[in-house]
Amino acid sequence: MWLKSYEVLRIKTPTALAHCGKFELYNRLCDQTNTRHGLCEIDVFLSAVDQAKAGGTLSKGAEPWWRFTAASKVKLAHRPELILST
């Protein structure tokens, strides 16, 4: 599903991904598919953008997606406007 998400969003390179807004990716995906996706998709986007900015590898300080879950839940609890409702 996640690779398909990047196809839908027309993101073809890590460089392009590195310049994307993390919550914007989730909102665009929901908008373009007319579906409210699971919030874990946000964590995947957070990790993917982080990895793209670190040169594409976890070894350069980027974190796997599950390490973003707690922080994204806290951020969304304080700023629910970051995600659009569909």
Foldseek 3Di string as FASTA:
>chain_A
DLVVLCVLVVPDDLVSLLPDDLLVSQQVSCVSVVHNDDPLSSLQSQQSNQCSVQVNDVVSPGDHSVVCVVVVVVVCVVPVVSHDDD
